[in-house]
C-alpha cells in the first residue's frame, strides 16, 4: 500500500473535513488526520459526522498528563486509547479515517504483536475456558470487583461474567451454560435480544 503525506493548510474550519473525504475517495485508502489539539480533533469528528455519517471514524486521543507527572491519566482517555488499539490491528474496513493529535502521534505505542494478543473473542455456542478468560482479563489490567461500575472492572457470578471493556458505554454480560457461551453478549442490566431475530 503506497503511503503519502499531504500537508493541508488555509482551509476554512469545517471545509477541511470535505477535503479529507475527497482525498479518501480519490485514494481509496484509509486516511490519518493529525489535528493540532483535542479541540480541533473534536471539531473534525463533528464535521465528518455531518458530511459522511456512514464513514467509520476512529479517535485516538493523546494522554492528558505529562510524562513522569504525579497525576495519573484520566480513565476515559485511557479507555478511548485502548478501544482504538484493537481496531488498528485486527480486521478493518477498507476505508476509514483515524483522527489523532500531534500530542498523541508523538507518544510511543505498544508493538503490533502485543496488541494482537490483547483481544478476546467468543461466539454463542462456542466453548470458552473460564480460567483462560480470567487470566486474559488480569493480564490486560482488568480488576475483579463485586459490581462492575467502570471501565476495567469484571465480575464472575456463577455462569455469568460481566465485563466493562474500555471504550464502551457500559458493561457487557456473557451468559454461560457450563463452559459454553449460551447467552448473547448484551449490556449488563438489559434484556437479551430475541435470538430468532
N, C-alpha and C. Protein backbone atom coordinates (compact mmCIF):
# COMPACT_ATOMS: atom_id res chain seq x y z
N UNK A 1 0.85 -1.16 0.00
CA UNK A 1 0.00 0.00 0.00
C UNK A 1 0.90 1.23 0.00
N UNK A 2 0.76 2.07 -1.00
CA UNK A 2 1.57 3.28 -1.09
C UNK A 2 1.09 4.29 -0.06
N UNK A 3 2.03 4.85 0.68
CA UNK A 3 1.69 5.84 1.68
C UNK A 3 2.21 7.19 1.21
N UNK A 4 1.41 8.21 1.43
CA UNK A 4 1.87 9.54 1.10
C UNK A 4 1.32 10.52 2.11
N UNK A 5 2.08 11.54 2.38
CA UNK A 5 1.69 12.56 3.34
C UNK A 5 1.24 13.80 2.59
N UNK A 6 0.15 14.37 3.05
CA UNK A 6 -0.37 15.60 2.46
C UNK A 6 -0.43 16.63 3.58
N UNK A 7 0.17 17.78 3.35
CA UNK A 7 0.08 18.88 4.30
C UNK A 7 -0.98 19.84 3.77
N UNK A 8 -2.02 20.06 4.57
CA UNK A 8 -3.13 20.88 4.13
C UNK A 8 -3.16 22.12 5.03
N UNK A 9 -3.27 23.28 4.45
CA UNK A 9 -3.33 24.49 5.24
C UNK A 9 -4.21 25.52 4.56
N UNK A 10 -4.73 26.45 5.36
CA UNK A 10 -5.54 27.54 4.83
C UNK A 10 -6.98 27.17 4.52
N UNK A 11 -7.37 25.93 4.79
CA UNK A 11 -8.77 25.53 4.53
C UNK A 11 -9.65 26.05 5.66
N UNK A 12 -10.80 26.63 5.34
CA UNK A 12 -11.70 27.11 6.40
C UNK A 12 -12.14 25.95 7.29
N UNK A 13 -12.33 26.23 8.58
CA UNK A 13 -12.77 25.18 9.50
C UNK A 13 -14.10 24.61 9.02
N UNK A 14 -14.22 23.31 9.06
CA UNK A 14 -15.41 22.62 8.58
C UNK A 14 -15.23 22.13 7.15
N UNK A 15 -14.65 22.97 6.28
CA UNK A 15 -14.42 22.56 4.90
C UNK A 15 -13.25 21.59 4.81
N UNK A 16 -12.35 21.63 5.80
CA UNK A 16 -11.22 20.70 5.80
C UNK A 16 -11.69 19.26 5.87
N UNK A 17 -12.84 19.02 6.51
CA UNK A 17 -13.41 17.67 6.55
C UNK A 17 -13.82 17.22 5.15
N UNK A 18 -14.38 18.15 4.38
CA UNK A 18 -14.75 17.83 2.99
C UNK A 18 -13.53 17.46 2.18
N UNK A 19 -12.40 18.17 2.39
CA UNK A 19 -11.16 17.87 1.68
C UNK A 19 -10.63 16.48 2.04
N UNK A 20 -10.75 16.11 3.32
CA UNK A 20 -10.30 14.78 3.76
C UNK A 20 -11.14 13.71 3.09
N UNK A 21 -12.45 13.91 3.04
CA UNK A 21 -13.33 12.93 2.39
C UNK A 21 -13.03 12.84 0.89
N UNK A 22 -12.71 13.96 0.26
CA UNK A 22 -12.34 13.93 -1.16
C UNK A 22 -11.06 13.12 -1.37
N UNK A 23 -10.09 13.30 -0.46
CA UNK A 23 -8.83 12.54 -0.56
C UNK A 23 -9.08 11.05 -0.35
N UNK A 24 -9.97 10.72 0.57
CA UNK A 24 -10.33 9.32 0.83
C UNK A 24 -10.95 8.70 -0.42
N UNK A 25 -11.84 9.43 -1.07
CA UNK A 25 -12.49 8.92 -2.29
C UNK A 25 -11.49 8.78 -3.42
N UNK A 26 -10.53 9.70 -3.51
CA UNK A 26 -9.54 9.68 -4.59
C UNK A 26 -8.55 8.53 -4.41
N UNK A 27 -8.06 8.33 -3.19
CA UNK A 27 -7.02 7.32 -2.97
C UNK A 27 -7.61 5.93 -2.75
N UNK A 28 -8.83 5.86 -2.20
CA UNK A 28 -9.43 4.56 -1.89
C UNK A 28 -8.78 3.87 -0.71
N UNK A 29 -7.95 4.59 0.04
CA UNK A 29 -7.25 4.03 1.19
C UNK A 29 -7.62 4.79 2.46
N UNK A 30 -7.35 4.20 3.62
CA UNK A 30 -7.63 4.90 4.88
C UNK A 30 -6.84 6.21 4.97
N UNK A 31 -7.37 7.14 5.74
CA UNK A 31 -6.72 8.44 5.92
C UNK A 31 -6.47 8.67 7.40
N UNK A 32 -5.26 9.10 7.71
CA UNK A 32 -4.88 9.50 9.07
C UNK A 32 -4.82 11.02 9.09
N UNK A 33 -5.60 11.63 9.96
CA UNK A 33 -5.59 13.10 10.10
C UNK A 33 -5.04 13.45 11.47
N UNK A 34 -3.98 14.25 11.49
CA UNK A 34 -3.37 14.68 12.75
C UNK A 34 -3.76 16.14 12.98
N UNK A 35 -4.60 16.34 13.99
CA UNK A 35 -5.04 17.69 14.34
C UNK A 35 -4.06 18.32 15.34
N UNK A 36 -4.11 19.63 15.44
CA UNK A 36 -3.15 20.29 16.33
C UNK A 36 -3.47 20.08 17.80
N UNK A 37 -4.76 19.87 18.15
CA UNK A 37 -5.13 19.66 19.55
C UNK A 37 -6.47 18.94 19.61
N UNK A 38 -6.90 18.64 20.85
CA UNK A 38 -8.15 17.90 21.05
C UNK A 38 -9.37 18.67 20.55
N UNK A 39 -9.35 19.98 20.71
CA UNK A 39 -10.48 20.80 20.27
C UNK A 39 -10.67 20.70 18.76
N UNK A 40 -9.57 20.79 18.00
CA UNK A 40 -9.65 20.67 16.54
C UNK A 40 -10.03 19.25 16.13
N UNK A 41 -9.53 18.25 16.87
CA UNK A 41 -9.88 16.86 16.55
C UNK A 41 -11.39 16.64 16.72
N UNK A 42 -11.97 17.17 17.80
CA UNK A 42 -13.40 17.02 18.02
C UNK A 42 -14.21 17.77 16.97
N UNK A 43 -13.75 18.96 16.58
CA UNK A 43 -14.43 19.71 15.53
C UNK A 43 -14.39 18.92 14.21
N UNK A 44 -13.26 18.28 13.92
CA UNK A 44 -13.14 17.47 12.71
C UNK A 44 -14.09 16.27 12.77
N UNK A 45 -14.17 15.62 13.94
CA UNK A 45 -15.08 14.48 14.09
C UNK A 45 -16.52 14.91 13.82
N UNK A 46 -16.92 16.05 14.37
CA UNK A 46 -18.29 16.55 14.17
C UNK A 46 -18.54 16.88 12.70
N UNK A 47 -17.57 17.49 12.05
CA UNK A 47 -17.73 17.84 10.63
C UNK A 47 -17.82 16.59 9.77
N UNK A 48 -17.00 15.57 10.07
CA UNK A 48 -17.06 14.32 9.30
C UNK A 48 -18.40 13.62 9.52
N UNK A 49 -18.92 13.67 10.75
CA UNK A 49 -20.23 13.07 11.02
C UNK A 49 -21.33 13.78 10.22
N UNK A 50 -21.16 15.08 9.97
CA UNK A 50 -22.14 15.83 9.19
C UNK A 50 -22.05 15.47 7.70
N UNK A 51 -20.82 15.49 7.16
CA UNK A 51 -20.64 15.26 5.72
C UNK A 51 -20.80 13.80 5.33
N UNK A 52 -20.36 12.87 6.18
CA UNK A 52 -20.40 11.44 5.84
C UNK A 52 -20.68 10.62 7.09
N UNK A 53 -21.93 10.60 7.56
CA UNK A 53 -22.24 9.89 8.81
C UNK A 53 -21.99 8.38 8.74
N UNK A 54 -21.92 7.82 7.52
CA UNK A 54 -21.70 6.37 7.38
C UNK A 54 -20.22 6.00 7.39
N UNK A 55 -19.32 6.97 7.32
CA UNK A 55 -17.89 6.70 7.25
C UNK A 55 -17.36 6.31 8.63
N UNK A 56 -16.66 5.16 8.75
CA UNK A 56 -16.06 4.80 10.04
C UNK A 56 -14.96 5.79 10.42
N UNK A 57 -15.07 6.37 11.62
CA UNK A 57 -14.09 7.32 12.13
C UNK A 57 -13.61 6.81 13.48
N UNK A 58 -12.30 6.63 13.61
CA UNK A 58 -11.70 6.18 14.86
C UNK A 58 -10.95 7.34 15.50
N UNK A 59 -11.11 7.48 16.80
CA UNK A 59 -10.48 8.57 17.55
C UNK A 59 -9.36 8.00 18.41
N UNK A 60 -8.17 8.60 18.30
CA UNK A 60 -7.06 8.19 19.14
C UNK A 60 -6.51 9.42 19.85
N UNK A 61 -7.00 9.68 21.09
CA UNK A 61 -6.57 10.88 21.82
C UNK A 61 -5.20 10.71 22.45
N UNK A 62 -4.57 11.83 22.77
CA UNK A 62 -3.31 11.81 23.50
C UNK A 62 -3.56 11.75 24.99
N UNK A 63 -2.52 11.43 25.74
CA UNK A 63 -2.63 11.43 27.20
C UNK A 63 -2.93 12.85 27.68
N UNK A 64 -3.66 12.97 28.77
CA UNK A 64 -4.00 14.28 29.31
C UNK A 64 -3.09 14.68 30.47
N UNK A 65 -1.91 14.04 30.54
CA UNK A 65 -0.93 14.40 31.56
C UNK A 65 0.46 14.29 30.96
N UNK A 66 1.42 14.89 31.62
CA UNK A 66 2.79 14.88 31.12
C UNK A 66 3.53 13.63 31.58
N UNK A 67 4.56 13.20 30.84
CA UNK A 67 5.37 12.07 31.30
C UNK A 67 5.96 12.37 32.68
N UNK A 68 6.01 11.37 33.51
CA UNK A 68 6.55 11.46 34.88
C UNK A 68 5.75 12.39 35.78
N UNK A 69 4.55 12.74 35.36
CA UNK A 69 3.68 13.57 36.20
C UNK A 69 3.16 12.72 37.35
N UNK A 70 2.86 13.35 38.46
CA UNK A 70 2.34 12.61 39.62
C UNK A 70 0.86 12.29 39.48
N UNK A 71 0.22 12.87 38.50
CA UNK A 71 -1.21 12.65 38.28
C UNK A 71 -1.37 11.56 37.22
N UNK A 72 -2.24 10.59 37.49
CA UNK A 72 -2.50 9.51 36.52
C UNK A 72 -3.38 10.03 35.39
N UNK A 73 -3.29 9.40 34.22
CA UNK A 73 -4.16 9.80 33.11
C UNK A 73 -5.62 9.57 33.46
N UNK A 74 -6.49 10.37 32.86
CA UNK A 74 -7.92 10.22 33.05
C UNK A 74 -8.36 8.86 32.52
N UNK A 75 -9.24 8.18 33.26
CA UNK A 75 -9.69 6.84 32.87
C UNK A 75 -10.41 6.85 31.53
N UNK A 76 -11.15 7.92 31.23
CA UNK A 76 -11.87 7.99 29.95
C UNK A 76 -10.89 8.08 28.77
N UNK A 77 -9.80 8.83 28.95
CA UNK A 77 -8.79 8.95 27.90
C UNK A 77 -8.11 7.60 27.68
N UNK A 78 -7.73 6.94 28.79
CA UNK A 78 -7.10 5.62 28.68
C UNK A 78 -8.03 4.63 27.99
N UNK A 79 -9.33 4.67 28.32
CA UNK A 79 -10.30 3.78 27.70
C UNK A 79 -10.43 4.04 26.21
N UNK A 80 -10.48 5.31 25.83
CA UNK A 80 -10.61 5.66 24.41
C UNK A 80 -9.38 5.18 23.63
N UNK A 81 -8.19 5.33 24.21
CA UNK A 81 -6.97 4.87 23.53
C UNK A 81 -6.98 3.35 23.40
N UNK A 82 -7.35 2.64 24.48
CA UNK A 82 -7.35 1.18 24.45
C UNK A 82 -8.41 0.64 23.50
N UNK A 83 -9.54 1.34 23.38
CA UNK A 83 -10.59 0.88 22.47
C UNK A 83 -10.16 1.02 21.02
N UNK A 84 -9.27 1.97 20.73
CA UNK A 84 -8.81 2.19 19.36
C UNK A 84 -7.79 1.14 18.92
N UNK A 85 -7.02 0.60 19.87
CA UNK A 85 -5.96 -0.35 19.52
C UNK A 85 -6.45 -1.58 18.77
N UNK A 86 -7.48 -2.30 19.29
CA UNK A 86 -7.92 -3.50 18.55
C UNK A 86 -8.38 -3.18 17.13
N UNK A 87 -9.00 -2.01 16.96
CA UNK A 87 -9.44 -1.63 15.63
C UNK A 87 -8.26 -1.43 14.68
N UNK A 88 -7.12 -1.01 15.21
CA UNK A 88 -5.97 -0.75 14.36
C UNK A 88 -5.20 -1.99 13.97
N UNK A 89 -5.33 -3.08 14.73
CA UNK A 89 -4.52 -4.27 14.42
C UNK A 89 -5.35 -5.45 13.93
N UNK A 90 -6.65 -5.40 14.11
CA UNK A 90 -7.49 -6.51 13.64
C UNK A 90 -8.21 -6.08 12.37
N UNK A 91 -9.15 -6.86 11.92
CA UNK A 91 -9.82 -6.61 10.65
C UNK A 91 -10.47 -5.22 10.63
N UNK A 92 -10.12 -4.46 9.62
CA UNK A 92 -10.61 -3.09 9.49
C UNK A 92 -11.42 -2.96 8.22
N UNK A 93 -12.33 -1.96 8.16
CA UNK A 93 -12.98 -1.69 6.87
C UNK A 93 -11.95 -1.21 5.87
N UNK A 94 -12.28 -1.29 4.58
CA UNK A 94 -11.32 -0.89 3.54
C UNK A 94 -11.00 0.60 3.64
N UNK A 95 -12.02 1.38 3.94
CA UNK A 95 -11.82 2.82 4.06
C UNK A 95 -12.28 3.28 5.44
N UNK A 96 -11.48 4.10 6.07
CA UNK A 96 -11.83 4.69 7.36
C UNK A 96 -10.95 5.90 7.57
N UNK A 97 -11.29 6.67 8.59
CA UNK A 97 -10.49 7.85 8.94
C UNK A 97 -10.07 7.70 10.39
N UNK A 98 -8.79 7.87 10.64
CA UNK A 98 -8.26 7.85 12.01
C UNK A 98 -7.90 9.28 12.37
N UNK A 99 -8.54 9.79 13.42
CA UNK A 99 -8.27 11.14 13.89
C UNK A 99 -7.41 11.08 15.15
N UNK A 100 -6.36 11.87 15.16
CA UNK A 100 -5.49 11.94 16.33
C UNK A 100 -4.93 13.35 16.43
N UNK A 101 -4.07 13.57 17.41
CA UNK A 101 -3.48 14.89 17.63
C UNK A 101 -1.96 14.80 17.54
N UNK A 102 -1.31 15.95 17.44
CA UNK A 102 0.15 15.98 17.45
C UNK A 102 0.69 15.32 18.71
N UNK A 103 0.06 15.62 19.84
CA UNK A 103 0.48 15.06 21.12
C UNK A 103 0.41 13.53 21.08
N UNK A 104 -0.71 12.98 20.63
CA UNK A 104 -0.89 11.52 20.60
C UNK A 104 0.04 10.87 19.59
N UNK A 105 0.26 11.52 18.45
CA UNK A 105 1.10 10.94 17.40
C UNK A 105 2.57 10.87 17.80
N UNK A 106 2.97 11.68 18.76
CA UNK A 106 4.37 11.68 19.19
C UNK A 106 4.64 10.77 20.38
N UNK A 107 3.61 10.10 20.88
CA UNK A 107 3.77 9.22 22.05
C UNK A 107 3.99 7.78 21.60
N UNK A 108 4.81 7.07 22.34
CA UNK A 108 5.13 5.67 22.00
C UNK A 108 3.92 4.78 22.19
N UNK A 109 3.85 3.74 21.36
CA UNK A 109 2.75 2.77 21.40
C UNK A 109 3.32 1.37 21.55
N UNK A 110 2.51 0.45 22.08
CA UNK A 110 2.95 -0.94 22.12
C UNK A 110 3.12 -1.51 20.71
N UNK A 111 3.94 -2.53 20.58
CA UNK A 111 4.16 -3.18 19.28
C UNK A 111 2.87 -3.86 18.81
N UNK A 112 2.72 -3.98 17.49
CA UNK A 112 1.52 -4.64 16.94
C UNK A 112 1.37 -6.06 17.45
N UNK A 113 2.49 -6.77 17.63
CA UNK A 113 2.40 -8.16 18.12
C UNK A 113 1.79 -8.20 19.51
N UNK A 114 2.08 -7.22 20.34
CA UNK A 114 1.49 -7.15 21.68
C UNK A 114 0.00 -6.86 21.58
N UNK A 115 -0.35 -5.92 20.69
CA UNK A 115 -1.75 -5.54 20.54
C UNK A 115 -2.60 -6.67 19.96
N UNK A 116 -2.01 -7.49 19.08
CA UNK A 116 -2.77 -8.60 18.50
C UNK A 116 -3.18 -9.60 19.58
N UNK A 117 -2.35 -9.74 20.61
CA UNK A 117 -2.67 -10.67 21.70
C UNK A 117 -3.58 -10.04 22.74
N UNK A 118 -3.92 -8.77 22.57
CA UNK A 118 -4.72 -8.06 23.56
C UNK A 118 -6.20 -8.04 23.20
N UNK A 119 -6.66 -9.07 22.53
CA UNK A 119 -8.08 -9.14 22.17
C UNK A 119 -8.62 -10.52 22.50
N UNK A 120 -9.88 -10.55 22.88
CA UNK A 120 -10.57 -11.80 23.20
C UNK A 120 -11.87 -11.80 22.42
N UNK A 121 -12.20 -12.93 21.80
CA UNK A 121 -13.48 -13.04 21.11
C UNK A 121 -14.07 -14.41 21.36
N UNK A 122 -15.39 -14.45 21.36
CA UNK A 122 -16.12 -15.71 21.55
C UNK A 122 -17.47 -15.58 20.84
N UNK A 123 -17.99 -16.72 20.43
CA UNK A 123 -19.30 -16.75 19.76
C UNK A 123 -20.26 -17.61 20.58
N UNK A 124 -21.54 -17.31 20.43
CA UNK A 124 -22.56 -18.11 21.09
C UNK A 124 -22.44 -19.54 20.61
N UNK A 125 -22.44 -20.49 21.54
CA UNK A 125 -22.30 -21.90 21.22
C UNK A 125 -20.86 -22.38 21.26
N UNK A 126 -19.92 -21.46 21.42
CA UNK A 126 -18.51 -21.81 21.46
C UNK A 126 -18.07 -22.07 22.90
N UNK A 127 -17.16 -23.07 23.07
CA UNK A 127 -16.60 -23.33 24.39
C UNK A 127 -15.59 -22.25 24.74
N UNK A 128 -15.63 -21.81 26.00
CA UNK A 128 -14.71 -20.78 26.48
C UNK A 128 -14.08 -21.29 27.77
N UNK A 129 -12.77 -21.27 27.82
CA UNK A 129 -12.04 -21.67 29.02
C UNK A 129 -12.11 -20.50 30.01
N UNK A 130 -12.89 -20.67 31.08
CA UNK A 130 -13.09 -19.58 32.03
C UNK A 130 -11.76 -19.16 32.67
N UNK A 131 -10.90 -20.14 32.96
CA UNK A 131 -9.61 -19.81 33.57
C UNK A 131 -8.77 -18.98 32.61
N UNK A 132 -8.76 -19.35 31.33
CA UNK A 132 -8.01 -18.59 30.33
C UNK A 132 -8.59 -17.19 30.17
N UNK A 133 -9.92 -17.07 30.21
CA UNK A 133 -10.56 -15.76 30.12
C UNK A 133 -10.19 -14.91 31.33
N UNK A 134 -10.23 -15.50 32.52
CA UNK A 134 -9.87 -14.76 33.73
C UNK A 134 -8.41 -14.31 33.67
N UNK A 135 -7.51 -15.21 33.22
CA UNK A 135 -6.09 -14.85 33.08
C UNK A 135 -5.90 -13.73 32.07
N UNK A 136 -6.66 -13.79 30.97
CA UNK A 136 -6.59 -12.73 29.96
C UNK A 136 -7.00 -11.39 30.56
N UNK A 137 -8.11 -11.39 31.31
CA UNK A 137 -8.59 -10.14 31.90
C UNK A 137 -7.57 -9.56 32.87
N UNK A 138 -6.96 -10.42 33.69
CA UNK A 138 -5.95 -9.95 34.64
C UNK A 138 -4.73 -9.41 33.89
N UNK A 139 -4.31 -10.13 32.84
CA UNK A 139 -3.15 -9.70 32.06
C UNK A 139 -3.40 -8.35 31.39
N UNK A 140 -4.65 -8.09 31.03
CA UNK A 140 -5.00 -6.82 30.38
C UNK A 140 -5.27 -5.70 31.38
N UNK A 141 -5.13 -5.99 32.67
CA UNK A 141 -5.27 -4.94 33.67
C UNK A 141 -6.67 -4.78 34.23
N UNK A 142 -7.59 -5.71 33.92
CA UNK A 142 -8.93 -5.63 34.50
C UNK A 142 -8.86 -6.00 35.98
N UNK A 143 -9.79 -5.46 36.74
CA UNK A 143 -9.83 -5.70 38.19
C UNK A 143 -11.15 -6.37 38.52
N UNK A 144 -11.07 -7.48 39.26
CA UNK A 144 -12.30 -8.17 39.66
C UNK A 144 -12.95 -7.39 40.79
N UNK A 145 -14.25 -7.18 40.66
CA UNK A 145 -15.00 -6.45 41.69
C UNK A 145 -16.37 -7.08 41.83
N UNK A 146 -17.02 -6.85 42.97
CA UNK A 146 -18.35 -7.46 43.16
C UNK A 146 -19.39 -6.88 42.21
N UNK A 147 -19.28 -5.59 41.90
CA UNK A 147 -20.20 -4.94 40.97
C UNK A 147 -19.39 -4.19 39.93
N UNK A 148 -19.71 -4.40 38.67
CA UNK A 148 -18.98 -3.77 37.58
C UNK A 148 -19.53 -2.35 37.40
N UNK A 149 -18.67 -1.35 37.70
CA UNK A 149 -19.12 0.03 37.69
C UNK A 149 -18.37 0.92 36.69
N UNK A 150 -17.13 0.59 36.36
CA UNK A 150 -16.35 1.46 35.48
C UNK A 150 -15.48 0.64 34.56
N UNK A 151 -14.98 1.26 33.49
CA UNK A 151 -14.13 0.52 32.55
C UNK A 151 -12.95 -0.14 33.27
N UNK A 152 -12.70 -1.40 32.90
CA UNK A 152 -11.60 -2.14 33.52
C UNK A 152 -12.06 -3.05 34.64
N UNK A 153 -13.35 -3.04 34.98
CA UNK A 153 -13.89 -3.94 36.01
C UNK A 153 -14.45 -5.20 35.36
N UNK A 154 -14.41 -6.30 36.10
CA UNK A 154 -15.13 -7.51 35.69
C UNK A 154 -15.62 -8.23 36.94
N UNK A 155 -16.69 -8.99 36.78
CA UNK A 155 -17.27 -9.76 37.89
C UNK A 155 -17.69 -11.12 37.37
N UNK A 156 -17.43 -12.15 38.17
CA UNK A 156 -17.84 -13.51 37.82
C UNK A 156 -18.79 -13.99 38.90
N UNK A 157 -20.01 -14.34 38.49
CA UNK A 157 -21.02 -14.85 39.41
C UNK A 157 -21.65 -16.08 38.78
N UNK A 158 -21.14 -17.23 39.17
CA UNK A 158 -21.65 -18.49 38.61
C UNK A 158 -21.40 -18.53 37.12
N UNK A 159 -22.47 -18.68 36.33
CA UNK A 159 -22.35 -18.77 34.88
C UNK A 159 -22.47 -17.43 34.17
N UNK A 160 -22.37 -16.34 34.93
CA UNK A 160 -22.49 -15.01 34.33
C UNK A 160 -21.19 -14.24 34.56
N UNK A 161 -20.67 -13.66 33.50
CA UNK A 161 -19.48 -12.82 33.60
C UNK A 161 -19.82 -11.46 33.04
N UNK A 162 -19.66 -10.43 33.87
CA UNK A 162 -19.85 -9.05 33.44
C UNK A 162 -18.48 -8.43 33.24
N UNK A 163 -18.28 -7.79 32.09
CA UNK A 163 -17.01 -7.15 31.74
C UNK A 163 -17.30 -5.75 31.25
N UNK A 164 -16.55 -4.77 31.75
CA UNK A 164 -16.69 -3.39 31.29
C UNK A 164 -15.46 -3.07 30.44
N UNK A 165 -15.53 -3.31 29.11
CA UNK A 165 -14.36 -3.07 28.24
C UNK A 165 -14.12 -1.58 28.04
N UNK A 166 -12.88 -1.20 27.77
CA UNK A 166 -12.60 0.21 27.50
C UNK A 166 -13.31 0.66 26.24
N UNK A 167 -13.74 1.92 26.24
CA UNK A 167 -14.38 2.50 25.07
C UNK A 167 -15.86 2.19 24.96
N UNK A 168 -16.41 1.41 25.86
CA UNK A 168 -17.84 1.10 25.83
C UNK A 168 -18.58 1.98 26.83
N UNK A 169 -19.90 2.13 26.61
CA UNK A 169 -20.72 2.96 27.50
C UNK A 169 -21.17 2.21 28.74
N UNK A 170 -21.04 0.91 28.72
CA UNK A 170 -21.47 0.12 29.86
C UNK A 170 -20.90 -1.28 29.78
N UNK A 171 -21.12 -2.06 30.85
CA UNK A 171 -20.58 -3.43 30.86
C UNK A 171 -21.31 -4.35 29.89
N UNK A 172 -20.62 -5.42 29.52
CA UNK A 172 -21.17 -6.46 28.65
C UNK A 172 -21.34 -7.71 29.50
N UNK A 173 -22.46 -8.39 29.33
CA UNK A 173 -22.73 -9.61 30.10
C UNK A 173 -22.60 -10.84 29.21
N UNK A 174 -21.81 -11.81 29.65
CA UNK A 174 -21.68 -13.10 28.97
C UNK A 174 -22.36 -14.15 29.83
N UNK A 175 -23.29 -14.90 29.24
CA UNK A 175 -24.07 -15.90 29.96
C UNK A 175 -23.61 -17.29 29.50
N UNK A 176 -23.12 -18.09 30.45
CA UNK A 176 -22.56 -19.40 30.13
C UNK A 176 -23.46 -20.52 30.64
N UNK A 177 -23.47 -21.62 29.88
CA UNK A 177 -24.05 -22.88 30.34
C UNK A 177 -22.89 -23.86 30.39
N UNK A 178 -22.38 -24.10 31.59
CA UNK A 178 -21.15 -24.87 31.72
C UNK A 178 -20.00 -24.01 31.20
N UNK A 179 -19.30 -24.54 30.19
CA UNK A 179 -18.21 -23.75 29.60
C UNK A 179 -18.54 -23.27 28.19
N UNK A 180 -19.84 -23.32 27.85
CA UNK A 180 -20.29 -22.89 26.52
C UNK A 180 -20.99 -21.54 26.66
N UNK A 181 -20.61 -20.60 25.80
CA UNK A 181 -21.27 -19.30 25.80
C UNK A 181 -22.68 -19.51 25.29
N UNK A 182 -23.64 -19.34 26.20
CA UNK A 182 -25.03 -19.68 25.91
C UNK A 182 -25.84 -18.45 25.53
N UNK A 183 -25.61 -17.35 26.24
CA UNK A 183 -26.40 -16.15 26.01
C UNK A 183 -25.67 -15.17 25.12
N UNK A 184 -26.46 -14.34 24.48
CA UNK A 184 -25.89 -13.29 23.63
C UNK A 184 -25.16 -12.30 24.50
N UNK A 185 -23.99 -11.82 24.05
CA UNK A 185 -23.33 -10.73 24.79
C UNK A 185 -24.21 -9.49 24.74
N UNK A 186 -24.72 -9.08 25.87
CA UNK A 186 -25.60 -7.91 25.95
C UNK A 186 -25.08 -6.97 27.02
N UNK A 187 -25.57 -5.76 26.99
CA UNK A 187 -25.23 -4.81 28.02
C UNK A 187 -25.78 -5.32 29.34
N UNK A 188 -24.97 -5.28 30.37
CA UNK A 188 -25.39 -5.73 31.69
C UNK A 188 -26.59 -4.91 32.14
N UNK A 189 -27.60 -5.60 32.64
CA UNK A 189 -28.79 -4.90 33.13
C UNK A 189 -29.84 -4.71 32.05
N UNK A 190 -29.58 -5.12 30.80
CA UNK A 190 -30.56 -5.01 29.73
C UNK A 190 -31.02 -6.40 29.33
N UNK A 191 -32.27 -6.53 28.86
CA UNK A 191 -32.74 -7.85 28.44
C UNK A 191 -31.99 -8.35 27.22
N UNK A 192 -31.84 -9.65 27.11
CA UNK A 192 -31.17 -10.25 25.96
C UNK A 192 -32.03 -10.06 24.72
N UNK A 193 -31.44 -9.84 23.55
CA UNK A 193 -32.21 -9.70 22.33
C UNK A 193 -32.85 -11.04 21.93
N UNK A 194 -33.89 -10.97 21.11
CA UNK A 194 -34.57 -12.16 20.62
C UNK A 194 -33.62 -12.93 19.72
N UNK A 195 -33.32 -14.18 20.08
CA UNK A 195 -32.35 -14.96 19.30
C UNK A 195 -32.85 -15.28 17.91
N UNK A 196 -34.18 -15.27 17.70
CA UNK A 196 -34.74 -15.61 16.40
C UNK A 196 -34.77 -14.40 15.47
N UNK A 197 -34.41 -13.23 15.99
CA UNK A 197 -34.49 -12.02 15.17
C UNK A 197 -33.40 -12.04 14.11
